[in-house]
Amino acid sequence: MKRLQNLSESTLIYYAILFAVLAVIVGFLAFLGVVGLLARIALILFYIFIFLFLLSLIAYIYRKFSR
């Protein structure tokens, strides 16, 4: 809480402007349809991560109990 009191007004204005610009950029990308493409790419990467995680987990269990 004390850290929030130490923030200057110019810092808060900077972050407000930054988030406003980011919101405009994301809104523009949403109108272009790019967000749907990025969501599909994120989903594919998520499935790849899950597959590699399960593969490494199986390899770890196999090495641990094969001794």
Protein backbone atom coordinates (compact mmCIF):
# COMPACT_ATOMS: atom_id res chain seq x y z
CA MET A 1 0.00 0.00 0.00
CA LYS A 2 2.85 2.36 0.80
CA ARG A 3 4.32 1.77 -2.64
CA LEU A 4 1.10 3.00 -4.24
CA GLN A 5 1.30 6.20 -2.23
CA ASN A 6 4.84 6.81 -3.52
CA LEU A 7 3.81 6.67 -7.18
CA SER A 8 3.88 10.09 -8.72
CA GLU A 9 0.99 11.47 -10.70
CA SER A 10 3.03 11.47 -13.91
CA THR A 11 3.69 7.73 -13.53
CA LEU A 12 -0.02 7.03 -13.20
CA ILE A 13 -0.78 9.16 -16.26
CA TYR A 14 1.93 7.31 -18.19
CA TYR A 15 0.34 3.93 -17.40
CA ALA A 16 -3.15 5.24 -18.19
CA ILE A 17 -1.99 6.41 -21.62
CA LEU A 18 -0.08 3.17 -22.21
CA PHE A 19 -3.13 1.00 -21.46
CA ALA A 20 -5.35 3.23 -23.59
CA VAL A 21 -2.99 2.85 -26.56
CA LEU A 22 -2.81 -0.91 -26.02
CA ALA A 23 -6.61 -1.09 -25.90
CA VAL A 24 -6.85 0.77 -29.22
CA ILE A 25 -4.29 -1.56 -30.82
CA VAL A 26 -6.08 -4.68 -29.57
CA GLY A 27 -9.42 -3.30 -30.74
CA PHE A 28 -7.96 -2.62 -34.19
CA LEU A 29 -6.56 -6.16 -34.39
CA ALA A 30 -9.93 -7.56 -33.33
CA PHE A 31 -11.65 -5.76 -36.20
CA LEU A 32 -9.09 -7.17 -38.64
CA GLY A 33 -9.69 -10.72 -37.46
CA VAL A 34 -6.09 -11.25 -36.38
CA VAL A 35 -7.14 -12.15 -32.85
CA GLY A 36 -8.88 -15.32 -34.04
CA LEU A 37 -5.72 -16.42 -35.81
CA LEU A 38 -3.61 -15.70 -32.75
CA ALA A 39 -6.06 -17.64 -30.56
CA ARG A 40 -5.73 -20.67 -32.84
CA ILE A 41 -1.94 -20.44 -32.75
CA ALA A 42 -2.03 -20.18 -28.94
CA LEU A 43 -4.27 -23.26 -28.76
CA ILE A 44 -1.88 -25.26 -30.97
CA LEU A 45 1.08 -24.20 -28.83
CA PHE A 46 -0.86 -25.16 -25.71
CA TYR A 47 -1.48 -28.68 -27.05
CA ILE A 48 2.19 -29.01 -28.02
CA PHE A 49 3.18 -27.96 -24.49
CA ILE A 50 0.81 -30.48 -22.90
CA PHE A 51 2.13 -33.25 -25.17
CA LEU A 52 5.77 -32.45 -24.35
CA PHE A 53 4.94 -32.21 -20.65
CA LEU A 54 3.28 -35.62 -20.64
CA LEU A 55 6.17 -37.10 -22.65
CA SER A 56 8.73 -35.76 -20.18
CA LEU A 57 6.61 -36.97 -17.24
CA ILE A 58 6.45 -40.48 -18.70
CA ALA A 59 10.20 -40.44 -19.35
CA TYR A 60 10.86 -39.31 -15.77
CA ILE A 61 8.63 -42.03 -14.31
CA TYR A 62 10.20 -44.64 -16.57
CA ARG A 63 13.74 -43.66 -15.53
CA LYS A 64 12.81 -43.46 -11.85
CA PHE A 65 11.24 -46.93 -11.66
CA SER A 66 13.52 -48.75 -14.10
CA ARG A 67 16.48 -48.80 -11.70
